[in-house]
Amino acid sequence: MPDEIDRNQIDSEGRGRSMQKGDVPDTLKRRYFLDERGGPGLGFYADARIQKPAFRDLGARLTSSRSDPNAIRDMAAVARHRGWSVVVVHGEANFRREAWLTSTALGLEVRGYQPTERDRQESE
């Protein structure tokens, strides 16, 4: 049973070709150990011995317990792979900022974070 609910989330706005749990780029299938243990959805583990996943796939929602830039990059890649054109980010400010930077770079529209001028400069 998970000890906490993952507050950091990237949600689909309901548009896209897929909301199917496990529909991810092949590169991520090779990078992670995928397992349904320890909580809802499909967990993406960097190693089979690790107890906490880098992120979880719930279909129309991707969640993470931390603001790891690598996990956020991979979550955004899943959203793009699924054809989501608009995502909504929730959670810690650092998570939302990194999700905005990464998702915007992939051509996704992001809601749930108001970028600063510095963020906009960094994304260019």
PDB file of N, CA and C in Angstrom:
ATOM      1  N   MET A   1       0.842  -1.176   0.000  1.00  0.00           N
ATOM      2  CA  MET A   1       0.000   0.000   0.000  1.00  0.00           C
ATOM      3  C   MET A   1       0.890   1.243   0.000  1.00  0.00           C
ATOM      4  N   PRO A   2       0.620   2.238  -0.841  1.00  0.00           N
ATOM      5  CA  PRO A   2       1.473   3.411  -0.902  1.00  0.00           C
ATOM      6  C   PRO A   2       1.353   4.233   0.377  1.00  0.00           C
ATOM      7  N   ASP A   3       2.461   4.853   0.756  1.00  0.00           N
ATOM      8  CA  ASP A   3       2.455   5.639   1.980  1.00  0.00           C
ATOM      9  C   ASP A   3       1.981   7.061   1.744  1.00  0.00           C
ATOM     10  N   GLU A   4       1.868   7.475   0.510  1.00  0.00           N
ATOM     11  CA  GLU A   4       1.372   8.808   0.208  1.00  0.00           C
ATOM     12  C   GLU A   4       0.800   8.838  -1.198  1.00  0.00           C
ATOM     13  N   ILE A   5      -0.092   9.763  -1.412  1.00  0.00           N
ATOM     14  CA  ILE A   5      -0.667   9.939  -2.743  1.00  0.00           C
ATOM     15  C   ILE A   5       0.261  10.845  -3.527  1.00  0.00           C
ATOM     16  N   ASP A   6       0.500  10.498  -4.776  1.00  0.00           N
ATOM     17  CA  ASP A   6       1.356  11.311  -5.626  1.00  0.00           C
ATOM     18  C   ASP A   6       0.627  12.608  -5.972  1.00  0.00           C
ATOM     19  N   ARG A   7       1.149  13.731  -5.453  1.00  0.00           N
ATOM     20  CA  ARG A   7       0.511  15.028  -5.672  1.00  0.00           C
ATOM     21  C   ARG A   7       0.886  15.637  -7.009  1.00  0.00           C
ATOM     22  N   ASN A   8       2.032  15.276  -7.526  1.00  0.00           N
ATOM     23  CA  ASN A   8       2.508  15.844  -8.790  1.00  0.00           C
ATOM     24  C   ASN A   8       1.882  15.071  -9.944  1.00  0.00           C
ATOM     25  N   GLN A   9       1.181  15.807 -10.813  1.00  0.00           N
ATOM     26  CA  GLN A   9       0.437  15.130 -11.866  1.00  0.00           C
ATOM     27  C   GLN A   9       0.491  15.884 -13.183  1.00  0.00           C
ATOM     28  N   ILE A  10       0.476  15.115 -14.248  1.00  0.00           N
ATOM     29  CA  ILE A  10       0.235  15.628 -15.590  1.00  0.00           C
ATOM     30  C   ILE A  10      -1.012  14.907 -16.078  1.00  0.00           C
ATOM     31  N   ASP A  11      -2.068  15.675 -16.315  1.00  0.00           N
ATOM     32  CA  ASP A  11      -3.351  15.101 -16.725  1.00  0.00           C
ATOM     33  C   ASP A  11      -3.643  15.449 -18.170  1.00  0.00           C
ATOM     34  N   SER A  12      -4.337  14.549 -18.832  1.00  0.00           N
ATOM     35  CA  SER A  12      -4.847  14.843 -20.166  1.00  0.00           C
ATOM     36  C   SER A  12      -6.064  15.744 -20.027  1.00  0.00           C
ATOM     37  N   GLU A  13      -6.217  16.654 -20.947  1.00  0.00           N
ATOM     38  CA  GLU A  13      -7.411  17.485 -20.964  1.00  0.00           C
ATOM     39  C   GLU A  13      -8.555  16.763 -21.672  1.00  0.00           C
ATOM     40  N   GLY A  14      -8.365  15.507 -21.977  1.00  0.00           N
ATOM     41  CA  GLY A  14      -9.437  14.741 -22.606  1.00  0.00           C
ATOM     42  C   GLY A  14      -9.314  14.636 -24.107  1.00  0.00           C
ATOM     43  N   ARG A  15      -8.293  15.236 -24.662  1.00  0.00           N
ATOM     44  CA  ARG A  15      -8.069  15.145 -26.110  1.00  0.00           C
ATOM     45  C   ARG A  15      -6.811  14.323 -26.357  1.00  0.00           C
ATOM     46  N   GLY A  16      -6.833  13.590 -27.413  1.00  0.00           N
ATOM     47  CA  GLY A  16      -5.668  12.785 -27.765  1.00  0.00           C
ATOM     48  C   GLY A  16      -6.120  11.451 -28.312  1.00  0.00           C
ATOM     49  N   ARG A  17      -5.208  10.755 -28.887  1.00  0.00           N
ATOM     50  CA  ARG A  17      -5.584   9.495 -29.509  1.00  0.00           C
ATOM     51  C   ARG A  17      -5.630   8.352 -28.503  1.00  0.00           C
ATOM     52  N   SER A  18      -4.986   8.512 -27.318  1.00  0.00           N
ATOM     53  CA  SER A  18      -4.934   7.404 -26.374  1.00  0.00           C
ATOM     54  C   SER A  18      -4.997   7.877 -24.926  1.00  0.00           C
ATOM     55  N   MET A  19      -5.736   7.149 -24.129  1.00  0.00           N
ATOM     56  CA  MET A  19      -5.766   7.324 -22.671  1.00  0.00           C
ATOM     57  C   MET A  19      -5.434   5.987 -22.020  1.00  0.00           C
ATOM     58  N   GLN A  20      -4.919   5.074 -22.805  1.00  0.00           N
ATOM     59  CA  GLN A  20      -4.687   3.709 -22.353  1.00  0.00           C
ATOM     60  C   GLN A  20      -3.427   3.595 -21.514  1.00  0.00           C
ATOM     61  N   LYS A  21      -3.589   3.084 -20.312  1.00  0.00           N
ATOM     62  CA  LYS A  21      -2.460   2.817 -19.429  1.00  0.00           C
ATOM     63  C   LYS A  21      -1.497   1.867 -20.136  1.00  0.00           C
ATOM     64  N   GLY A  22      -0.207   2.212 -20.113  1.00  0.00           N
ATOM     65  CA  GLY A  22       0.803   1.367 -20.746  1.00  0.00           C
ATOM     66  C   GLY A  22       1.119   1.734 -22.180  1.00  0.00           C
ATOM     67  N   ASP A  23       0.368   2.660 -22.764  1.00  0.00           N
ATOM     68  CA  ASP A  23       0.659   3.132 -24.125  1.00  0.00           C
ATOM     69  C   ASP A  23       1.778   4.171 -24.014  1.00  0.00           C
ATOM     70  N   VAL A  24       3.012   3.695 -24.152  1.00  0.00           N
ATOM     71  CA  VAL A  24       4.190   4.553 -23.984  1.00  0.00           C
ATOM     72  C   VAL A  24       5.188   4.284 -25.096  1.00  0.00           C
ATOM     73  N   PRO A  25       6.090   5.234 -25.351  1.00  0.00           N
ATOM     74  CA  PRO A  25       7.122   4.999 -26.373  1.00  0.00           C
ATOM     75  C   PRO A  25       7.967   3.765 -26.033  1.00  0.00           C
ATOM     76  N   ASP A  26       8.409   3.060 -27.054  1.00  0.00           N
ATOM     77  CA  ASP A  26       9.230   1.856 -26.850  1.00  0.00           C
ATOM     78  C   ASP A  26      10.492   2.146 -26.040  1.00  0.00           C
ATOM     79  N   THR A  27      11.066   3.339 -26.210  1.00  0.00           N
ATOM     80  CA  THR A  27      12.277   3.668 -25.459  1.00  0.00           C
ATOM     81  C   THR A  27      12.019   3.634 -23.953  1.00  0.00           C
ATOM     82  N   LEU A  28      10.829   4.025 -23.524  1.00  0.00           N
ATOM     83  CA  LEU A  28      10.514   3.985 -22.092  1.00  0.00           C
ATOM     84  C   LEU A  28      10.266   2.560 -21.619  1.00  0.00           C
ATOM     85  N   LYS A  29       9.704   1.738 -22.479  1.00  0.00           N
ATOM     86  CA  LYS A  29       9.507   0.329 -22.118  1.00  0.00           C
ATOM     87  C   LYS A  29      10.855  -0.355 -21.889  1.00  0.00           C
ATOM     88  N   ARG A  30      11.863   0.091 -22.609  1.00  0.00           N
ATOM     89  CA  ARG A  30      13.198  -0.484 -22.440  1.00  0.00           C
ATOM     90  C   ARG A  30      13.949   0.142 -21.264  1.00  0.00           C
ATOM     91  N   ARG A  31      13.643   1.381 -20.933  1.00  0.00           N
ATOM     92  CA  ARG A  31      14.356   2.097 -19.874  1.00  0.00           C
ATOM     93  C   ARG A  31      13.882   1.716 -18.478  1.00  0.00           C
ATOM     94  N   TYR A  32      12.599   1.382 -18.354  1.00  0.00           N
ATOM     95  CA  TYR A  32      12.013   1.137 -17.043  1.00  0.00           C
ATOM     96  C   TYR A  32      11.535  -0.297 -16.888  1.00  0.00           C
ATOM     97  N   PHE A  33      11.461  -0.707 -15.623  1.00  0.00           N
ATOM     98  CA  PHE A  33      10.795  -1.938 -15.238  1.00  0.00           C
ATOM     99  C   PHE A  33       9.355  -1.529 -14.921  1.00  0.00           C
ATOM    100  N   LEU A  34       8.380  -2.085 -15.620  1.00  0.00           N
ATOM    101  CA  LEU A  34       6.976  -1.716 -15.432  1.00  0.00           C
ATOM    102  C   LEU A  34       6.285  -2.756 -14.566  1.00  0.00           C
ATOM    103  N   ASP A  35       5.549  -2.272 -13.561  1.00  0.00           N
ATOM    104  CA  ASP A  35       4.928  -3.170 -12.601  1.00  0.00           C
ATOM    105  C   ASP A  35       3.718  -2.473 -11.984  1.00  0.00           C
ATOM    106  N   GLU A  36       2.717  -3.249 -11.591  1.00  0.00           N
ATOM    107  CA  GLU A  36       1.521  -2.671 -10.975  1.00  0.00           C
ATOM    108  C   GLU A  36       1.547  -2.766  -9.454  1.00  0.00           C
ATOM    109  N   ARG A  37       2.687  -3.035  -8.868  1.00  0.00           N
ATOM    110  CA  ARG A  37       2.767  -3.147  -7.414  1.00  0.00           C
ATOM    111  C   ARG A  37       2.797  -1.775  -6.739  1.00  0.00           C
ATOM    112  N   GLY A  38       2.411  -1.738  -5.486  1.00  0.00           N
ATOM    113  CA  GLY A  38       2.627  -0.561  -4.659  1.00  0.00           C
ATOM    114  C   GLY A  38       1.692   0.611  -4.859  1.00  0.00           C
ATOM    115  N   GLY A  39       0.628   0.456  -5.590  1.00  0.00           N
ATOM    116  CA  GLY A  39      -0.280   1.575  -5.768  1.00  0.00           C
ATOM    117  C   GLY A  39      -1.079   1.455  -7.034  1.00  0.00           C
ATOM    118  N   PRO A  40      -1.917   2.440  -7.280  1.00  0.00           N
ATOM    119  CA  PRO A  40      -2.768   2.385  -8.467  1.00  0.00           C
ATOM    120  C   PRO A  40      -1.966   2.592  -9.748  1.00  0.00           C
ATOM    121  N   GLY A  41      -2.446   2.027 -10.817  1.00  0.00           N
ATOM    122  CA  GLY A  41      -1.812   2.248 -12.105  1.00  0.00           C
ATOM    123  C   GLY A  41      -0.556   1.432 -12.303  1.00  0.00           C
ATOM    124  N   LEU A  42       0.114   1.749 -13.375  1.00  0.00           N
ATOM    125  CA  LEU A  42       1.338   1.069 -13.777  1.00  0.00           C
ATOM    126  C   LEU A  42       2.535   1.877 -13.316  1.00  0.00           C
ATOM    127  N   GLY A  43       3.388   1.281 -12.477  1.00  0.00           N
ATOM    128  CA  GLY A  43       4.576   1.968 -11.980  1.00  0.00           C
ATOM    129  C   GLY A  43       5.739   1.805 -12.932  1.00  0.00           C
ATOM    130  N   PHE A  44       6.517   2.883 -13.094  1.00  0.00           N
ATOM    131  CA  PHE A  44       7.718   2.880 -13.925  1.00  0.00           C
ATOM    132  C   PHE A  44       8.920   2.957 -12.985  1.00  0.00           C
ATOM    133  N   TYR A  45       9.616   1.833 -12.834  1.00  0.00           N
ATOM    134  CA  TYR A  45      10.727   1.716 -11.897  1.00  0.00           C
ATOM    135  C   TYR A  45      12.044   1.711 -12.660  1.00  0.00           C
ATOM    136  N   ALA A  46      13.019   2.469 -12.175  1.00  0.00           N
ATOM    137  CA  ALA A  46      14.333   2.506 -12.811  1.00  0.00           C
ATOM    138  C   ALA A  46      15.036   1.160 -12.659  1.00  0.00           C
ATOM    139  N   ASP A  47      14.654   0.389 -11.643  1.00  0.00           N
ATOM    140  CA  ASP A  47      15.278  -0.890 -11.338  1.00  0.00           C
ATOM    141  C   ASP A  47      14.238  -1.747 -10.623  1.00  0.00           C
ATOM    142  N   ALA A  48      14.246  -3.032 -10.816  1.00  0.00           N
ATOM    143  CA  ALA A  48      13.259  -3.924 -10.203  1.00  0.00           C
ATOM    144  C   ALA A  48      13.367  -3.951  -8.681  1.00  0.00           C
ATOM    145  N   ARG A  49      14.504  -3.559  -8.119  1.00  0.00           N
ATOM    146  CA  ARG A  49      14.690  -3.591  -6.662  1.00  0.00           C
ATOM    147  C   ARG A  49      14.210  -2.325  -5.973  1.00  0.00           C
ATOM    148  N   ILE A  50      13.964  -1.263  -6.727  1.00  0.00           N
ATOM    149  CA  ILE A  50      13.549   0.011  -6.154  1.00  0.00           C
ATOM    150  C   ILE A  50      12.099  -0.084  -5.712  1.00  0.00           C
ATOM    151  N   GLN A  51      11.803   0.483  -4.536  1.00  0.00           N
ATOM    152  CA  GLN A  51      10.456   0.403  -3.964  1.00  0.00           C
ATOM    153  C   GLN A  51       9.489   1.443  -4.519  1.00  0.00           C
ATOM    154  N   LYS A  52       9.988   2.640  -4.861  1.00  0.00           N
ATOM    155  CA  LYS A  52       9.113   3.713  -5.353  1.00  0.00           C
ATOM    156  C   LYS A  52       9.344   3.929  -6.845  1.00  0.00           C
ATOM    157  N   PRO A  53       8.269   4.015  -7.599  1.00  0.00           N
ATOM    158  CA  PRO A  53       8.443   4.243  -9.030  1.00  0.00           C
ATOM    159  C   PRO A  53       8.837   5.689  -9.327  1.00  0.00           C
ATOM    160  N   ALA A  54       9.475   5.884 -10.463  1.00  0.00           N
ATOM    161  CA  ALA A  54       9.782   7.245 -10.913  1.00  0.00           C
ATOM    162  C   ALA A  54       8.478   7.985 -11.178  1.00  0.00           C
ATOM    163  N   PHE A  55       7.505   7.265 -11.762  1.00  0.00           N
ATOM    164  CA  PHE A  55       6.162   7.813 -11.962  1.00  0.00           C
ATOM    165  C   PHE A  55       5.177   6.679 -12.170  1.00  0.00           C
ATOM    166  N   ARG A  56       3.901   7.028 -12.132  1.00  0.00           N
ATOM    167  CA  ARG A  56       2.827   6.057 -12.334  1.00  0.00           C
ATOM    168  C   ARG A  56       1.944   6.496 -13.488  1.00  0.00           C
ATOM    169  N   ASP A  57       1.432   5.520 -14.205  1.00  0.00           N
ATOM    170  CA  ASP A  57       0.551   5.738 -15.347  1.00  0.00           C
ATOM    171  C   ASP A  57      -0.837   5.245 -14.978  1.00  0.00           C
ATOM    172  N   LEU A  58      -1.792   6.171 -14.919  1.00  0.00           N
ATOM    173  CA  LEU A  58      -3.168   5.834 -14.592  1.00  0.00           C
ATOM    174  C   LEU A  58      -4.085   5.957 -15.813  1.00  0.00           C
ATOM    175  N   GLY A  59      -3.506   6.045 -16.975  1.00  0.00           N
ATOM    176  CA  GLY A  59      -4.289   6.194 -18.206  1.00  0.00           C
ATOM    177  C   GLY A  59      -4.358   7.643 -18.625  1.00  0.00           C
ATOM    178  N   ALA A  60      -5.341   8.378 -18.121  1.00  0.00           N
ATOM    179  CA  ALA A  60      -5.490   9.801 -18.462  1.00  0.00           C
ATOM    180  C   ALA A  60      -4.722  10.697 -17.498  1.00  0.00           C
ATOM    181  N   ARG A  61      -3.970  10.090 -16.573  1.00  0.00           N
ATOM    182  CA  ARG A  61      -3.191  10.851 -15.586  1.00  0.00           C
ATOM    183  C   ARG A  61      -1.861  10.155 -15.334  1.00  0.00           C
ATOM    184  N   LEU A  62      -0.809  10.962 -15.292  1.00  0.00           N
ATOM    185  CA  LEU A  62       0.530  10.476 -14.947  1.00  0.00           C
ATOM    186  C   LEU A  62       0.913  11.153 -13.642  1.00  0.00           C
ATOM    187  N   THR A  63       1.405  10.391 -12.668  1.00  0.00           N
ATOM    188  CA  THR A  63       1.697  10.957 -11.353  1.00  0.00           C
ATOM    189  C   THR A  63       3.108  10.625 -10.895  1.00  0.00           C
ATOM    190  N   SER A  64       3.623  11.480 -10.008  1.00  0.00           N
ATOM    191  CA  SER A  64       4.939  11.254  -9.427  1.00  0.00           C
ATOM    192  C   SER A  64       4.966  11.818  -8.011  1.00  0.00           C
ATOM    193  N   SER A  65       5.713  11.161  -7.137  1.00  0.00           N
ATOM    194  CA  SER A  65       5.811  11.644  -5.755  1.00  0.00           C
ATOM    195  C   SER A  65       6.910  12.688  -5.593  1.00  0.00           C
ATOM    196  N   ARG A  66       7.715  12.892  -6.650  1.00  0.00           N
ATOM    197  CA  ARG A  66       8.809  13.868  -6.549  1.00  0.00           C
ATOM    198  C   ARG A  66       8.931  14.678  -7.835  1.00  0.00           C
ATOM    199  N   SER A  67       9.810  15.646  -7.819  1.00  0.00           N
ATOM    200  CA  SER A  67       9.999  16.548  -8.967  1.00  0.00           C
ATOM    201  C   SER A  67      11.284  16.228  -9.720  1.00  0.00           C
ATOM    202  N   ASP A  68      11.483  14.976 -10.043  1.00  0.00           N
ATOM    203  CA  ASP A  68      12.680  14.541 -10.754  1.00  0.00           C
ATOM    204  C   ASP A  68      12.585  14.950 -12.222  1.00  0.00           C
ATOM    205  N   PRO A  69      13.510  15.787 -12.712  1.00  0.00           N
ATOM    206  CA  PRO A  69      13.451  16.243 -14.107  1.00  0.00           C
ATOM    207  C   PRO A  69      13.444  15.109 -15.131  1.00  0.00           C
ATOM    208  N   ASN A  70      14.136  14.017 -14.846  1.00  0.00           N
ATOM    209  CA  ASN A  70      14.151  12.886 -15.783  1.00  0.00           C
ATOM    210  C   ASN A  70      12.782  12.223 -15.866  1.00  0.00           C
ATOM    211  N   ALA A  71      12.138  12.036 -14.715  1.00  0.00           N
ATOM    212  CA  ALA A  71      10.798  11.447 -14.709  1.00  0.00           C
ATOM    213  C   ALA A  71       9.803  12.382 -15.394  1.00  0.00           C
ATOM    214  N   ILE A  72       9.917  13.678 -15.138  1.00  0.00           N
ATOM    215  CA  ILE A  72       9.018  14.648 -15.763  1.00  0.00           C
ATOM    216  C   ILE A  72       9.196  14.631 -17.276  1.00  0.00           C
ATOM    217  N   ARG A  73      10.439  14.562 -17.723  1.00  0.00           N
ATOM    218  CA  ARG A  73      10.710  14.468 -19.167  1.00  0.00           C
ATOM    219  C   ARG A  73      10.030  13.242 -19.760  1.00  0.00           C
ATOM    220  N   ASP A  74      10.106  12.114 -19.065  1.00  0.00           N
ATOM    221  CA  ASP A  74       9.505  10.887 -19.569  1.00  0.00           C
ATOM    222  C   ASP A  74       7.976  10.938 -19.505  1.00  0.00           C
ATOM    223  N   MET A  75       7.426  11.574 -18.487  1.00  0.00           N
ATOM    224  CA  MET A  75       5.975  11.747 -18.397  1.00  0.00           C
ATOM    225  C   MET A  75       5.476  12.594 -19.570  1.00  0.00           C
ATOM    226  N   ALA A  76       6.191  13.667 -19.871  1.00  0.00           N
ATOM    227  CA  ALA A  76       5.816  14.529 -21.002  1.00  0.00           C
ATOM    228  C   ALA A  76       5.930  13.757 -22.321  1.00  0.00           C
ATOM    229  N   ALA A  77       6.936  12.891 -22.417  1.00  0.00           N
ATOM    230  CA  ALA A  77       7.094  12.077 -23.629  1.00  0.00           C
ATOM    231  C   ALA A  77       5.913  11.122 -23.801  1.00  0.00           C
ATOM    232  N   VAL A  78       5.397  10.592 -22.697  1.00  0.00           N
ATOM    233  CA  VAL A  78       4.224   9.728 -22.755  1.00  0.00           C
ATOM    234  C   VAL A  78       3.021  10.531 -23.254  1.00  0.00           C
ATOM    235  N   ALA A  79       2.837  11.733 -22.702  1.00  0.00           N
ATOM    236  CA  ALA A  79       1.717  12.590 -23.118  1.00  0.00           C
ATOM    237  C   ALA A  79       1.789  12.878 -24.615  1.00  0.00           C
ATOM    238  N   ARG A  80       2.966  13.206 -25.081  1.00  0.00           N
ATOM    239  CA  ARG A  80       3.129  13.493 -26.520  1.00  0.00           C
ATOM    240  C   ARG A  80       2.868  12.241 -27.352  1.00  0.00           C
ATOM    241  N   HIS A  81       3.409  11.120 -26.912  1.00  0.00           N
ATOM    242  CA  HIS A  81       3.223   9.850 -27.616  1.00  0.00           C
ATOM    243  C   HIS A  81       1.735   9.518 -27.746  1.00  0.00           C
ATOM    244  N   ARG A  82       0.968   9.839 -26.728  1.00  0.00           N
ATOM    245  CA  ARG A  82      -0.462   9.537 -26.733  1.00  0.00           C
ATOM    246  C   ARG A  82      -1.283  10.552 -27.515  1.00  0.00           C
ATOM    247  N   GLY A  83      -0.614  11.580 -28.011  1.00  0.00           N
ATOM    248  CA  GLY A  83      -1.318  12.561 -28.821  1.00  0.00           C
ATOM    249  C   GLY A  83      -2.067  13.605 -28.020  1.00  0.00           C
ATOM    250  N   TRP A  84      -1.710  13.758 -26.738  1.00  0.00           N
ATOM    251  CA  TRP A  84      -2.352  14.784 -25.929  1.00  0.00           C
ATOM    252  C   TRP A  84      -1.833  16.132 -26.403  1.00  0.00           C
ATOM    253  N   SER A  85      -2.704  17.020 -26.775  1.00  0.00           N
ATOM    254  CA  SER A  85      -2.262  18.344 -27.220  1.00  0.00           C
ATOM    255  C   SER A  85      -2.271  19.350 -26.076  1.00  0.00           C
ATOM    256  N   VAL A  86      -3.107  19.097 -25.072  1.00  0.00           N
ATOM    257  CA  VAL A  86      -3.211  19.976 -23.906  1.00  0.00           C
ATOM    258  C   VAL A  86      -3.061  19.122 -22.655  1.00  0.00           C
ATOM    259  N   VAL A  87      -2.178  19.538 -21.744  1.00  0.00           N
ATOM    260  CA  VAL A  87      -2.030  18.851 -20.466  1.00  0.00           C
ATOM    261  C   VAL A  87      -2.262  19.851 -19.341  1.00  0.00           C
ATOM    262  N   VAL A  88      -2.699  19.332 -18.215  1.00  0.00           N
ATOM    263  CA  VAL A  88      -2.911  20.143 -17.019  1.00  0.00           C
ATOM    264  C   VAL A  88      -1.961  19.614 -15.956  1.00  0.00           C
ATOM    265  N   VAL A  89      -1.170  20.513 -15.372  1.00  0.00           N
ATOM    266  CA  VAL A  89      -0.201  20.103 -14.353  1.00  0.00           C
ATOM    267  C   VAL A  89      -0.695  20.519 -12.973  1.00  0.00           C
ATOM    268  N   HIS A  90      -0.427  19.664 -11.991  1.00  0.00           N
ATOM    269  CA  HIS A  90      -0.800  19.891 -10.598  1.00  0.00           C
ATOM    270  C   HIS A  90       0.387  19.510  -9.728  1.00  0.00           C
ATOM    271  N   GLY A  91       0.463  20.093  -8.533  1.00  0.00           N
ATOM    272  CA  GLY A  91       1.465  19.658  -7.573  1.00  0.00           C
ATOM    273  C   GLY A  91       2.397  20.756  -7.144  1.00  0.00           C
ATOM    274  N   GLU A  92       3.596  20.339  -6.741  1.00  0.00           N
ATOM    275  CA  GLU A  92       4.610  21.263  -6.249  1.00  0.00           C
ATOM    276  C   GLU A  92       5.015  22.246  -7.348  1.00  0.00           C
ATOM    277  N   ALA A  93       5.384  23.444  -6.934  1.00  0.00           N
ATOM    278  CA  ALA A  93       5.763  24.487  -7.895  1.00  0.00           C
ATOM    279  C   ALA A  93       6.919  24.040  -8.781  1.00  0.00           C
ATOM    280  N   ASN A  94       7.931  23.385  -8.206  1.00  0.00           N
ATOM    281  CA  ASN A  94       9.076  22.920  -9.002  1.00  0.00           C
ATOM    282  C   ASN A  94       8.645  21.894 -10.046  1.00  0.00           C
ATOM    283  N   PHE A  95       7.735  21.018  -9.666  1.00  0.00           N
ATOM    284  CA  PHE A  95       7.228  20.023 -10.604  1.00  0.00           C
ATOM    285  C   PHE A  95       6.488  20.706 -11.756  1.00  0.00           C
ATOM    286  N   ARG A  96       5.571  21.617 -11.413  1.00  0.00           N
ATOM    287  CA  ARG A  96       4.782  22.292 -12.437  1.00  0.00           C
ATOM    288  C   ARG A  96       5.666  23.102 -13.374  1.00  0.00           C
ATOM    289  N   ARG A  97       6.694  23.761 -12.833  1.00  0.00           N
ATOM    290  CA  ARG A  97       7.612  24.547 -13.667  1.00  0.00           C
ATOM    291  C   ARG A  97       8.352  23.635 -14.644  1.00  0.00           C
ATOM    292  N   GLU A  98       8.922  22.565 -14.126  1.00  0.00           N
ATOM    293  CA  GLU A  98       9.678  21.641 -14.977  1.00  0.00           C
ATOM    294  C   GLU A  98       8.761  20.987 -16.008  1.00  0.00           C
ATOM    295  N   ALA A  99       7.540  20.650 -15.604  1.00  0.00           N
ATOM    296  CA  ALA A  99       6.581  20.060 -16.542  1.00  0.00           C
ATOM    297  C   ALA A  99       6.212  21.067 -17.628  1.00  0.00           C
ATOM    298  N   TRP A 100       6.083  22.335 -17.252  1.00  0.00           N
ATOM    299  CA  TRP A 100       5.778  23.368 -18.250  1.00  0.00           C
ATOM    300  C   TRP A 100       6.929  23.485 -19.250  1.00  0.00           C
ATOM    301  N   LEU A 101       8.164  23.579 -18.743  1.00  0.00           N
ATOM    302  CA  LEU A 101       9.332  23.715 -19.621  1.00  0.00           C
ATOM    303  C   LEU A 101       9.439  22.528 -20.581  1.00  0.00           C
ATOM    304  N   THR A 102       9.335  21.337 -20.038  1.00  0.00           N
ATOM    305  CA  THR A 102       9.511  20.124 -20.834  1.00  0.00           C
ATOM    306  C   THR A 102       8.370  19.927 -21.823  1.00  0.00           C
ATOM    307  N   SER A 103       7.153  20.082 -21.360  1.00  0.00           N
ATOM    308  CA  SER A 103       5.990  19.861 -22.222  1.00  0.00           C
ATOM    309  C   SER A 103       5.899  20.904 -23.321  1.00  0.00           C
ATOM    310  N   THR A 104       6.194  22.150 -22.986  1.00  0.00           N
ATOM    311  CA  THR A 104       6.184  23.214 -23.986  1.00  0.00           C
ATOM    312  C   THR A 104       7.215  22.937 -25.079  1.00  0.00           C
ATOM    313  N   ALA A 105       8.380  22.452 -24.671  1.00  0.00           N
ATOM    314  CA  ALA A 105       9.429  22.126 -25.641  1.00  0.00           C
ATOM    315  C   ALA A 105       8.984  21.007 -26.593  1.00  0.00           C
ATOM    316  N   LEU A 106       8.072  20.164 -26.132  1.00  0.00           N
ATOM    317  CA  LEU A 106       7.557  19.076 -26.967  1.00  0.00           C
ATOM    318  C   LEU A 106       6.340  19.497 -27.783  1.00  0.00           C
ATOM    319  N   GLY A 107       5.955  20.777 -27.662  1.00  0.00           N
ATOM    320  CA  GLY A 107       4.846  21.285 -28.450  1.00  0.00           C
ATOM    321  C   GLY A 107       3.476  21.130 -27.808  1.00  0.00           C
ATOM    322  N   LEU A 108       3.434  20.814 -26.516  1.00  0.00           N
ATOM    323  CA  LEU A 108       2.162  20.654 -25.821  1.00  0.00           C
ATOM    324  C   LEU A 108       1.735  21.974 -25.177  1.00  0.00           C
ATOM    325  N   GLU A 109       0.454  22.219 -25.151  1.00  0.00           N
ATOM    326  CA  GLU A 109      -0.081  23.362 -24.415  1.00  0.00           C
ATOM    327  C   GLU A 109      -0.222  22.926 -22.961  1.00  0.00           C
ATOM    328  N   VAL A 110       0.232  23.772 -22.039  1.00  0.00           N
ATOM    329  CA  VAL A 110       0.229  23.413 -20.621  1.00  0.00           C
ATOM    330  C   VAL A 110      -0.651  24.375 -19.839  1.00  0.00           C
ATOM    331  N   ARG A 111      -1.528  23.814 -19.037  1.00  0.00           N
ATOM    332  CA  ARG A 111      -2.365  24.595 -18.127  1.00  0.00           C
ATOM    333  C   ARG A 111      -1.997  24.213 -16.698  1.00  0.00           C
ATOM    334  N   GLY A 112      -2.173  25.141 -15.780  1.00  0.00           N
ATOM    335  CA  GLY A 112      -1.891  24.848 -14.381  1.00  0.00           C
ATOM    336  C   GLY A 112      -0.586  25.442 -13.889  1.00  0.00           C
ATOM    337  N   TYR A 113       0.114  26.149 -14.771  1.00  0.00           N
ATOM    338  CA  TYR A 113       1.348  26.827 -14.363  1.00  0.00           C
ATOM    339  C   TYR A 113       1.448  28.134 -15.127  1.00  0.00           C
ATOM    340  N   GLN A 114       1.714  29.206 -14.404  1.00  0.00           N
ATOM    341  CA  GLN A 114       1.899  30.522 -15.019  1.00  0.00           C
ATOM    342  C   GLN A 114       3.404  30.781 -15.107  1.00  0.00           C
ATOM    343  N   PRO A 115       3.991  30.673 -16.299  1.00  0.00           N
ATOM    344  CA  PRO A 115       5.444  30.850 -16.428  1.00  0.00           C
ATOM    345  C   PRO A 115       5.862  32.293 -16.175  1.00  0.00           C
ATOM    346  N   THR A 116       7.050  32.432 -15.611  1.00  0.00           N
ATOM    347  CA  THR A 116       7.638  33.753 -15.418  1.00  0.00           C
ATOM    348  C   THR A 116       8.349  34.155 -16.711  1.00  0.00           C
ATOM    349  N   GLU A 117       8.783  35.377 -16.764  1.00  0.00           N
ATOM    350  CA  GLU A 117       9.551  35.839 -17.924  1.00  0.00           C
ATOM    351  C   GLU A 117      10.827  35.006 -18.077  1.00  0.00           C
ATOM    352  N   ARG A 118      11.451  34.692 -16.960  1.00  0.00           N
ATOM    353  CA  ARG A 118      12.667  33.867 -16.988  1.00  0.00           C
ATOM    354  C   ARG A 118      12.357  32.477 -17.552  1.00  0.00           C
ATOM    355  N   ASP A 119      11.219  31.892 -17.161  1.00  0.00           N
ATOM    356  CA  ASP A 119      10.817  30.593 -17.703  1.00  0.00           C
ATOM    357  C   ASP A 119      10.672  30.673 -19.227  1.00  0.00           C
ATOM    358  N   ARG A 120      10.024  31.726 -19.692  1.00  0.00           N
ATOM    359  CA  ARG A 120       9.821  31.899 -21.138  1.00  0.00           C
ATOM    360  C   ARG A 120      11.162  32.033 -21.864  1.00  0.00           C
ATOM    361  N   GLN A 121      12.086  32.763 -21.267  1.00  0.00           N
ATOM    362  CA  GLN A 121      13.416  32.917 -21.879  1.00  0.00           C
ATOM    363  C   GLN A 121      14.127  31.573 -21.908  1.00  0.00           C
ATOM    364  N   GLU A 122      14.024  30.816 -20.836  1.00  0.00           N
ATOM    365  CA  GLU A 122      14.686  29.508 -20.777  1.00  0.00           C
ATOM    366  C   GLU A 122      14.092  28.537 -21.805  1.00  0.00           C
ATOM    367  N   SER A 123      12.798  28.631 -22.043  1.00  0.00           N
ATOM    368  CA  SER A 123      12.175  27.718 -22.995  1.00  0.00           C
ATOM    369  C   SER A 123      12.569  28.041 -24.433  1.00  0.00           C
ATOM    370  N   GLU A 124      12.991  29.269 -24.682  1.00  0.00           N
ATOM    371  CA  GLU A 124      13.438  29.636 -26.023  1.00  0.00           C
ATOM    372  C   GLU A 124      14.842  29.155 -26.235  1.00  0.00           C
TER     373      GLU A 124
END
